[in-house]
Amino acid sequence: MRSPRPAPRLAALAGAAALLAAAACEKTGPQDITGTVAPARVKFFNFGVGTPGVNFYANDAKITAISSSDTVESTNGTAYGAAGAGGFYSGVAAGQTNFTARIAAATDKNLVIATIPVAVADGKAYSVYLSGPYDAAAKRVDGFAIEDNFPTGIVYDTAYVRFVNASPTAGPLVLSLRNPATGTSGAVSAPVAYKAGGTFTAIPLTFTGVTDLLVRAPGASTDAVVRTGVTVGAGRVYTITVRGDITVTSTTAANRPLLDVTANR
């Protein structure tokens, strides 16, 4: 006697299960995304004046490109004045690491133009900067890295601000904030030298909300760089970085000094 045929619905389910089982054995099947989170984090900034668009690497691992495959990634890379990965942190493994910037364009593709060594530690966060003028003949640019040791707990009525100096033509600089409504201003950093960053400082509530950023040399009577109408939200943490050539007075030159504001949290 023949065995009864399985009901159509049961047969379909059995077939689907078989297909899923087969797919699980294929390399093109569903990917496992339950791996552990990288123990450290890093941001990348292309603030080297005249530097071409780059991709950032941690040793041989590409961090900021669209894809790990050179055949499908953008040839624009992270342009001058921009932060890699949209200003977000990327996960990296702990250990001695050479962060490199490599040309993204088809010409000189993947040529290393900067190498910044960092002893990456578990649980730490870092910012890696390209800075200084780009040497088009040698195809090199300066760079540095600093630890982002911002407070881990959220204080909902307080904002924290840190100042970083990425302007190679500047001496030590001081960051001040100004309340545009009252005109009240106050320094929020000690003098910060080139390739250095100040501490994350809690700012008074009078500067929370819309504020102006003022940067000048210690003891100077005028500001070297000004950026108005910046929103600083309570409960957030920010890095404010000066980049470009501090000696340029043009308001349109590509290498003029500018202030970047990036949230760390």
C-alpha atoms as a PDB file:
ATOM      1  CA  MET A   1       0.000   0.000   0.000  1.00  0.00           C
ATOM      2  CA  ARG A   2       1.327   3.484  -0.901  1.00  0.00           C
ATOM      3  CA  SER A   3       2.124   5.904   1.850  1.00  0.00           C
ATOM      4  CA  PRO A   4      -0.233   8.838   1.832  1.00  0.00           C
ATOM      5  CA  ARG A   5       1.151  12.008   0.194  1.00  0.00           C
ATOM      6  CA  PRO A   6       2.004  14.815   2.610  1.00  0.00           C
ATOM      7  CA  ALA A   7      -0.437  17.664   2.613  1.00  0.00           C
ATOM      8  CA  PRO A   8       0.662  20.456   0.225  1.00  0.00           C
ATOM      9  CA  ARG A   9       1.233  22.894   3.075  1.00  0.00           C
ATOM     10  CA  LEU A  10       3.404  20.433   4.996  1.00  0.00           C
ATOM     11  CA  ALA A  11       5.353  19.654   1.851  1.00  0.00           C
ATOM     12  CA  ALA A  12       6.003  23.347   1.256  1.00  0.00           C
ATOM     13  CA  LEU A  13       7.213  23.795   4.822  1.00  0.00           C
ATOM     14  CA  ALA A  14       9.489  20.798   4.517  1.00  0.00           C
ATOM     15  CA  GLY A  15      10.908  22.189   1.291  1.00  0.00           C
ATOM     16  CA  ALA A  16      11.529  25.595   2.872  1.00  0.00           C
ATOM     17  CA  ALA A  17      13.317  23.974   5.794  1.00  0.00           C
ATOM     18  CA  ALA A  18      15.528  22.042   3.402  1.00  0.00           C
ATOM     19  CA  LEU A  19      16.396  25.227   1.506  1.00  0.00           C
ATOM     20  CA  LEU A  20      17.274  27.058   4.718  1.00  0.00           C
ATOM     21  CA  ALA A  21      19.459  24.166   5.823  1.00  0.00           C
ATOM     22  CA  ALA A  22      21.239  24.190   2.496  1.00  0.00           C
ATOM     23  CA  ALA A  23      21.688  27.957   2.575  1.00  0.00           C
ATOM     24  CA  ALA A  24      23.262  27.732   6.013  1.00  0.00           C
ATOM     25  CA  CYS A  25      25.999  25.596   4.470  1.00  0.00           C
ATOM     26  CA  GLU A  26      26.672  28.060   1.640  1.00  0.00           C
ATOM     27  CA  LYS A  27      29.185  30.896   1.936  1.00  0.00           C
ATOM     28  CA  THR A  28      26.533  33.239   0.606  1.00  0.00           C
ATOM     29  CA  GLY A  29      24.050  32.299   3.334  1.00  0.00           C
ATOM     30  CA  PRO A  30      23.018  34.463   6.270  1.00  0.00           C
ATOM     31  CA  GLN A  31      25.977  36.041   8.048  1.00  0.00           C
ATOM     32  CA  ASP A  32      26.690  35.777  11.766  1.00  0.00           C
ATOM     33  CA  ILE A  33      26.502  39.299  13.213  1.00  0.00           C
ATOM     34  CA  THR A  34      26.745  38.259  16.854  1.00  0.00           C
ATOM     35  CA  GLY A  35      30.498  38.806  17.186  1.00  0.00           C
ATOM     36  CA  THR A  36      32.021  40.698  20.081  1.00  0.00           C
ATOM     37  CA  VAL A  37      32.247  44.488  20.030  1.00  0.00           C
ATOM     38  CA  ALA A  38      35.729  45.910  19.374  1.00  0.00           C
ATOM     39  CA  PRO A  39      37.366  46.924  22.665  1.00  0.00           C
ATOM     40  CA  ALA A  40      38.422  50.450  21.559  1.00  0.00           C
ATOM     41  CA  ARG A  41      36.998  53.256  19.395  1.00  0.00           C
ATOM     42  CA  VAL A  42      38.514  55.827  17.059  1.00  0.00           C
ATOM     43  CA  LYS A  43      37.469  58.887  15.025  1.00  0.00           C
ATOM     44  CA  PHE A  44      39.375  60.143  11.985  1.00  0.00           C
ATOM     45  CA  PHE A  45      39.746  63.714  10.692  1.00  0.00           C
ATOM     46  CA  ASN A  46      41.331  64.953   7.463  1.00  0.00           C
ATOM     47  CA  PHE A  47      42.484  68.412   8.555  1.00  0.00           C
ATOM     48  CA  GLY A  48      45.716  68.510   6.509  1.00  0.00           C
ATOM     49  CA  VAL A  49      45.469  71.601   4.305  1.00  0.00           C
ATOM     50  CA  GLY A  50      45.492  70.587   0.641  1.00  0.00           C
ATOM     51  CA  THR A  51      45.376  66.885   1.444  1.00  0.00           C
ATOM     52  CA  PRO A  52      43.583  64.686  -1.120  1.00  0.00           C
ATOM     53  CA  GLY A  53      40.679  62.478  -0.137  1.00  0.00           C
ATOM     54  CA  VAL A  54      41.864  59.492   1.877  1.00  0.00           C
ATOM     55  CA  ASN A  55      40.757  56.222   3.393  1.00  0.00           C
ATOM     56  CA  PHE A  56      41.912  55.501   6.924  1.00  0.00           C
ATOM     57  CA  TYR A  57      43.364  52.173   7.983  1.00  0.00           C
ATOM     58  CA  ALA A  58      44.226  50.505  11.293  1.00  0.00           C
ATOM     59  CA  ASN A  59      47.290  48.478  10.341  1.00  0.00           C
ATOM     60  CA  ASP A  60      45.995  46.633   7.232  1.00  0.00           C
ATOM     61  CA  ALA A  61      42.286  46.921   8.072  1.00  0.00           C
ATOM     62  CA  LYS A  62      40.353  49.570   6.146  1.00  0.00           C
ATOM     63  CA  ILE A  63      38.206  51.555   8.579  1.00  0.00           C
ATOM     64  CA  THR A  64      36.508  54.465   6.795  1.00  0.00           C
ATOM     65  CA  ALA A  65      35.853  53.317   3.206  1.00  0.00           C
ATOM     66  CA  ILE A  66      32.407  52.363   1.895  1.00  0.00           C
ATOM     67  CA  SER A  67      33.543  48.786   1.331  1.00  0.00           C
ATOM     68  CA  SER A  68      36.555  46.593   1.990  1.00  0.00           C
ATOM     69  CA  SER A  69      36.728  45.987  -1.780  1.00  0.00           C
ATOM     70  CA  ASP A  70      38.649  48.574  -3.800  1.00  0.00           C
ATOM     71  CA  THR A  71      36.489  47.835  -6.842  1.00  0.00           C
ATOM     72  CA  VAL A  72      33.289  49.224  -5.367  1.00  0.00           C
ATOM     73  CA  GLU A  73      34.368  51.945  -2.959  1.00  0.00           C
ATOM     74  CA  SER A  74      34.145  55.662  -3.605  1.00  0.00           C
ATOM     75  CA  THR A  75      37.296  57.289  -4.963  1.00  0.00           C
ATOM     76  CA  ASN A  76      36.496  60.473  -3.034  1.00  0.00           C
ATOM     77  CA  GLY A  77      37.463  59.188   0.411  1.00  0.00           C
ATOM     78  CA  THR A  78      37.411  61.524   3.398  1.00  0.00           C
ATOM     79  CA  ALA A  79      38.016  64.996   1.949  1.00  0.00           C
ATOM     80  CA  TYR A  80      39.917  67.856   3.559  1.00  0.00           C
ATOM     81  CA  GLY A  81      37.889  69.384   6.365  1.00  0.00           C
ATOM     82  CA  ALA A  82      35.789  66.264   6.894  1.00  0.00           C
ATOM     83  CA  ALA A  83      35.580  63.509   9.481  1.00  0.00           C
ATOM     84  CA  GLY A  84      35.723  59.867   8.486  1.00  0.00           C
ATOM     85  CA  ALA A  85      32.642  57.672   8.945  1.00  0.00           C
ATOM     86  CA  GLY A  86      30.453  60.764   9.283  1.00  0.00           C
ATOM     87  CA  GLY A  87      32.144  61.759  12.535  1.00  0.00           C
ATOM     88  CA  PHE A  88      31.156  58.539  14.309  1.00  0.00           C
ATOM     89  CA  TYR A  89      33.508  56.264  16.201  1.00  0.00           C
ATOM     90  CA  SER A  90      34.744  53.070  14.556  1.00  0.00           C
ATOM     91  CA  GLY A  91      35.707  49.983  16.507  1.00  0.00           C
ATOM     92  CA  VAL A  92      39.354  48.890  16.566  1.00  0.00           C
ATOM     93  CA  ALA A  93      41.268  46.127  18.336  1.00  0.00           C
ATOM     94  CA  ALA A  94      43.559  46.964  21.234  1.00  0.00           C
ATOM     95  CA  GLY A  95      47.332  46.835  20.771  1.00  0.00           C
ATOM     96  CA  GLN A  96      50.093  48.785  19.063  1.00  0.00           C
ATOM     97  CA  THR A  97      48.453  50.157  15.910  1.00  0.00           C
ATOM     98  CA  ASN A  98      49.666  52.122  12.922  1.00  0.00           C
ATOM     99  CA  PHE A  99      46.824  54.312  11.708  1.00  0.00           C
ATOM    100  CA  THR A 100      47.473  55.286   8.106  1.00  0.00           C
ATOM    101  CA  ALA A 101      45.854  57.626   5.606  1.00  0.00           C
ATOM    102  CA  ARG A 102      45.903  56.311   2.037  1.00  0.00           C
ATOM    103  CA  ILE A 103      44.926  58.163  -1.119  1.00  0.00           C
ATOM    104  CA  ALA A 104      41.431  57.225  -2.270  1.00  0.00           C
ATOM    105  CA  ALA A 105      41.634  58.537  -5.858  1.00  0.00           C
ATOM    106  CA  ALA A 106      42.524  56.317  -8.807  1.00  0.00           C
ATOM    107  CA  THR A 107      45.838  58.142  -9.224  1.00  0.00           C
ATOM    108  CA  ASP A 108      48.270  57.004  -6.507  1.00  0.00           C
ATOM    109  CA  LYS A 109      45.533  54.696  -5.230  1.00  0.00           C
ATOM    110  CA  ASN A 110      46.229  53.464  -1.673  1.00  0.00           C
ATOM    111  CA  LEU A 111      49.502  55.395  -1.382  1.00  0.00           C
ATOM    112  CA  VAL A 112      50.231  56.013   2.305  1.00  0.00           C
ATOM    113  CA  ILE A 113      50.608  59.740   2.977  1.00  0.00           C
ATOM    114  CA  ALA A 114      50.635  59.634   6.797  1.00  0.00           C
ATOM    115  CA  THR A 115      51.328  57.086   9.514  1.00  0.00           C
ATOM    116  CA  ILE A 116      50.278  57.732  13.122  1.00  0.00           C
ATOM    117  CA  PRO A 117      51.312  55.051  15.654  1.00  0.00           C
ATOM    118  CA  VAL A 118      49.064  54.635  18.708  1.00  0.00           C
ATOM    119  CA  ALA A 119      49.179  52.186  21.617  1.00  0.00           C
ATOM    120  CA  VAL A 120      45.442  51.432  21.611  1.00  0.00           C
ATOM    121  CA  ALA A 121      44.097  50.327  25.005  1.00  0.00           C
ATOM    122  CA  ASP A 122      40.945  48.405  25.898  1.00  0.00           C
ATOM    123  CA  GLY A 123      37.944  50.614  26.617  1.00  0.00           C
ATOM    124  CA  LYS A 124      39.624  53.808  25.373  1.00  0.00           C
ATOM    125  CA  ALA A 125      38.520  56.224  22.651  1.00  0.00           C
ATOM    126  CA  TYR A 126      40.840  58.177  20.342  1.00  0.00           C
ATOM    127  CA  SER A 127      40.819  60.849  17.658  1.00  0.00           C
ATOM    128  CA  VAL A 128      43.318  60.650  14.790  1.00  0.00           C
ATOM    129  CA  TYR A 129      44.059  63.829  12.833  1.00  0.00           C
ATOM    130  CA  LEU A 130      45.788  64.691   9.590  1.00  0.00           C
ATOM    131  CA  SER A 131      47.187  68.207   9.987  1.00  0.00           C
ATOM    132  CA  GLY A 132      49.642  70.641   8.512  1.00  0.00           C
ATOM    133  CA  PRO A 133      50.068  71.503   4.822  1.00  0.00           C
ATOM    134  CA  TYR A 134      50.168  68.625   2.333  1.00  0.00           C
ATOM    135  CA  ASP A 135      53.519  68.199   0.581  1.00  0.00           C
ATOM    136  CA  ALA A 136      52.392  67.426  -2.968  1.00  0.00           C
ATOM    137  CA  ALA A 137      55.926  66.560  -4.111  1.00  0.00           C
ATOM    138  CA  ALA A 138      56.751  64.127  -1.315  1.00  0.00           C
ATOM    139  CA  LYS A 139      53.087  63.143  -0.983  1.00  0.00           C
ATOM    140  CA  ARG A 140      53.176  63.373   2.786  1.00  0.00           C
ATOM    141  CA  VAL A 141      51.192  65.160   5.468  1.00  0.00           C
ATOM    142  CA  ASP A 142      51.590  65.490   9.216  1.00  0.00           C
ATOM    143  CA  GLY A 143      49.334  63.791  11.742  1.00  0.00           C
ATOM    144  CA  PHE A 144      48.730  63.094  15.403  1.00  0.00           C
ATOM    145  CA  ALA A 145      46.381  61.273  17.758  1.00  0.00           C
ATOM    146  CA  ILE A 146      44.930  62.099  21.165  1.00  0.00           C
ATOM    147  CA  GLU A 147      42.889  60.144  23.667  1.00  0.00           C
ATOM    148  CA  ASP A 148      39.237  61.138  24.053  1.00  0.00           C
ATOM    149  CA  ASN A 149      38.986  60.762  27.820  1.00  0.00           C
ATOM    150  CA  PHE A 150      35.566  62.373  28.196  1.00  0.00           C
ATOM    151  CA  PRO A 151      33.303  61.667  31.192  1.00  0.00           C
ATOM    152  CA  THR A 152      31.406  58.406  30.788  1.00  0.00           C
ATOM    153  CA  GLY A 153      28.363  59.373  32.853  1.00  0.00           C
ATOM    154  CA  ILE A 154      25.703  61.668  31.402  1.00  0.00           C
ATOM    155  CA  VAL A 155      25.023  64.893  33.298  1.00  0.00           C
ATOM    156  CA  TYR A 156      21.785  66.067  31.760  1.00  0.00           C
ATOM    157  CA  ASP A 157      22.119  69.746  32.696  1.00  0.00           C
ATOM    158  CA  THR A 158      25.806  70.086  31.736  1.00  0.00           C
ATOM    159  CA  ALA A 159      27.755  70.133  28.467  1.00  0.00           C
ATOM    160  CA  TYR A 160      31.458  69.300  28.201  1.00  0.00           C
ATOM    161  CA  VAL A 161      33.813  70.896  25.678  1.00  0.00           C
ATOM    162  CA  ARG A 162      37.407  70.134  24.704  1.00  0.00           C
ATOM    163  CA  PHE A 163      39.665  72.256  22.469  1.00  0.00           C
ATOM    164  CA  VAL A 164      42.144  70.711  19.988  1.00  0.00           C
ATOM    165  CA  ASN A 165      44.779  72.659  18.053  1.00  0.00           C
ATOM    166  CA  ALA A 166      45.327  71.230  14.541  1.00  0.00           C
ATOM    167  CA  SER A 167      46.655  74.466  12.997  1.00  0.00           C
ATOM    168  CA  PRO A 168      50.363  74.032  12.184  1.00  0.00           C
ATOM    169  CA  THR A 169      51.031  77.768  11.858  1.00  0.00           C
ATOM    170  CA  ALA A 170      49.548  78.592  15.250  1.00  0.00           C
ATOM    171  CA  GLY A 171      51.262  78.789  18.585  1.00  0.00           C
ATOM    172  CA  PRO A 172      49.278  77.922  21.704  1.00  0.00           C
ATOM    173  CA  LEU A 173      45.652  79.043  21.472  1.00  0.00           C
ATOM    174  CA  VAL A 174      42.806  79.553  23.955  1.00  0.00           C
ATOM    175  CA  LEU A 175      39.143  78.744  23.307  1.00  0.00           C
ATOM    176  CA  SER A 176      36.432  80.993  24.754  1.00  0.00           C
ATOM    177  CA  LEU A 177      32.647  80.858  24.499  1.00  0.00           C
ATOM    178  CA  ARG A 178      30.367  83.893  24.189  1.00  0.00           C
ATOM    179  CA  ASN A 179      26.658  84.160  24.899  1.00  0.00           C
ATOM    180  CA  PRO A 180      25.351  86.030  21.827  1.00  0.00           C
ATOM    181  CA  ALA A 181      22.363  87.391  23.721  1.00  0.00           C
ATOM    182  CA  THR A 182      24.287  88.936  26.620  1.00  0.00           C
ATOM    183  CA  GLY A 183      27.764  89.329  25.132  1.00  0.00           C
ATOM    184  CA  THR A 184      29.235  87.550  28.161  1.00  0.00           C
ATOM    185  CA  SER A 185      32.312  85.483  27.318  1.00  0.00           C
ATOM    186  CA  GLY A 186      34.711  83.240  29.164  1.00  0.00           C
ATOM    187  CA  ALA A 187      37.685  80.973  28.452  1.00  0.00           C
ATOM    188  CA  VAL A 188      37.013  77.235  28.567  1.00  0.00           C
ATOM    189  CA  SER A 189      40.550  76.012  27.920  1.00  0.00           C
ATOM    190  CA  ALA A 190      44.089  76.671  28.991  1.00  0.00           C
ATOM    191  CA  PRO A 191      46.504  77.473  26.124  1.00  0.00           C
ATOM    192  CA  VAL A 192      46.636  74.447  23.790  1.00  0.00           C
ATOM    193  CA  ALA A 193      49.677  73.885  21.580  1.00  0.00           C
ATOM    194  CA  TYR A 194      49.667  72.477  18.046  1.00  0.00           C
ATOM    195  CA  LYS A 195      49.026  68.707  17.991  1.00  0.00           C
ATOM    196  CA  ALA A 196      47.532  68.796  21.469  1.00  0.00           C
ATOM    197  CA  GLY A 197      44.120  68.792  23.096  1.00  0.00           C
ATOM    198  CA  GLY A 198      42.837  70.309  26.312  1.00  0.00           C
ATOM    199  CA  THR A 199      40.730  68.570  28.919  1.00  0.00           C
ATOM    200  CA  PHE A 200      36.985  68.083  28.626  1.00  0.00           C
ATOM    201  CA  THR A 201      35.570  70.968  30.648  1.00  0.00           C
ATOM    202  CA  ALA A 202      32.060  71.453  32.009  1.00  0.00           C
ATOM    203  CA  ILE A 203      30.756  74.761  30.689  1.00  0.00           C
ATOM    204  CA  PRO A 204      28.451  77.178  32.524  1.00  0.00           C
ATOM    205  CA  LEU A 205      24.762  77.025  31.659  1.00  0.00           C
ATOM    206  CA  THR A 206      24.967  80.566  30.270  1.00  0.00           C
ATOM    207  CA  PHE A 207      26.874  79.094  27.283  1.00  0.00           C
ATOM    208  CA  THR A 208      24.540  76.147  26.753  1.00  0.00           C
ATOM    209  CA  GLY A 209      22.256  76.474  23.756  1.00  0.00           C
ATOM    210  CA  VAL A 210      23.347  78.801  20.963  1.00  0.00           C
ATOM    211  CA  THR A 211      26.834  80.146  21.599  1.00  0.00           C
ATOM    212  CA  ASP A 212      29.774  81.746  19.776  1.00  0.00           C
ATOM    213  CA  LEU A 213      33.261  80.217  19.616  1.00  0.00           C
ATOM    214  CA  LEU A 214      36.284  82.503  19.962  1.00  0.00           C
ATOM    215  CA  VAL A 215      39.947  81.487  19.580  1.00  0.00           C
ATOM    216  CA  ARG A 216      42.929  83.720  20.238  1.00  0.00           C
ATOM    217  CA  ALA A 217      46.567  83.562  21.311  1.00  0.00           C
ATOM    218  CA  PRO A 218      47.221  84.016  25.055  1.00  0.00           C
ATOM    219  CA  GLY A 219      47.380  87.703  25.900  1.00  0.00           C
ATOM    220  CA  ALA A 220      46.114  88.806  22.473  1.00  0.00           C
ATOM    221  CA  SER A 221      43.486  91.540  22.295  1.00  0.00           C
ATOM    222  CA  THR A 222      41.718  90.219  19.195  1.00  0.00           C
ATOM    223  CA  ASP A 223      40.343  86.852  18.165  1.00  0.00           C
ATOM    224  CA  ALA A 224      42.166  84.845  15.498  1.00  0.00           C
ATOM    225  CA  VAL A 225      39.159  82.676  14.620  1.00  0.00           C
ATOM    226  CA  VAL A 226      35.437  83.156  15.318  1.00  0.00           C
ATOM    227  CA  ARG A 227      32.454  80.916  14.658  1.00  0.00           C
ATOM    228  CA  THR A 228      29.012  82.150  15.624  1.00  0.00           C
ATOM    229  CA  GLY A 229      25.663  80.501  16.233  1.00  0.00           C
ATOM    230  CA  VAL A 230      26.888  77.078  17.358  1.00  0.00           C
ATOM    231  CA  THR A 231      24.441  74.903  19.290  1.00  0.00           C
ATOM    232  CA  VAL A 232      25.859  73.290  22.429  1.00  0.00           C
ATOM    233  CA  GLY A 233      23.360  70.946  24.061  1.00  0.00           C
ATOM    234  CA  ALA A 234      23.283  70.017  27.735  1.00  0.00           C
ATOM    235  CA  GLY A 235      24.120  66.385  28.386  1.00  0.00           C
ATOM    236  CA  ARG A 236      26.451  66.289  25.349  1.00  0.00           C
ATOM    237  CA  VAL A 237      30.233  66.171  24.930  1.00  0.00           C
ATOM    238  CA  TYR A 238      32.002  68.087  22.145  1.00  0.00           C
ATOM    239  CA  THR A 239      35.455  68.517  20.644  1.00  0.00           C
ATOM    240  CA  ILE A 240      36.138  71.901  19.048  1.00  0.00           C
ATOM    241  CA  THR A 241      39.151  71.876  16.722  1.00  0.00           C
ATOM    242  CA  VAL A 242      40.917  74.714  14.950  1.00  0.00           C
ATOM    243  CA  ARG A 243      42.317  73.760  11.534  1.00  0.00           C
ATOM    244  CA  GLY A 244      43.866  75.567   8.576  1.00  0.00           C
ATOM    245  CA  ASP A 245      46.491  78.308   8.407  1.00  0.00           C
ATOM    246  CA  ILE A 246      46.037  80.714  11.321  1.00  0.00           C
ATOM    247  CA  THR A 247      47.925  83.456   9.422  1.00  0.00           C
ATOM    248  CA  VAL A 248      45.411  83.615   6.543  1.00  0.00           C
ATOM    249  CA  THR A 249      42.955  86.509   6.845  1.00  0.00           C
ATOM    250  CA  SER A 250      40.869  85.793   3.728  1.00  0.00           C
ATOM    251  CA  THR A 251      37.300  84.734   4.443  1.00  0.00           C
ATOM    252  CA  THR A 252      37.119  82.542   1.337  1.00  0.00           C
ATOM    253  CA  ALA A 253      40.561  80.909   0.971  1.00  0.00           C
ATOM    254  CA  ALA A 254      40.531  77.120   1.216  1.00  0.00           C
ATOM    255  CA  ASN A 255      43.361  77.185   3.745  1.00  0.00           C
ATOM    256  CA  ARG A 256      41.817  79.836   6.019  1.00  0.00           C
ATOM    257  CA  PRO A 257      41.488  78.945   9.720  1.00  0.00           C
ATOM    258  CA  LEU A 258      38.187  77.329  10.650  1.00  0.00           C
ATOM    259  CA  LEU A 259      36.600  75.760  13.707  1.00  0.00           C
ATOM    260  CA  ASP A 260      35.182  72.232  13.575  1.00  0.00           C
ATOM    261  CA  VAL A 261      32.595  71.049  16.109  1.00  0.00           C
ATOM    262  CA  THR A 262      32.160  67.290  16.532  1.00  0.00           C
ATOM    263  CA  ALA A 263      30.141  65.502  19.191  1.00  0.00           C
ATOM    264  CA  ASN A 264      31.951  62.781  21.131  1.00  0.00           C
ATOM    265  CA  ARG A 265      28.743  61.721  22.808  1.00  0.00           C
END
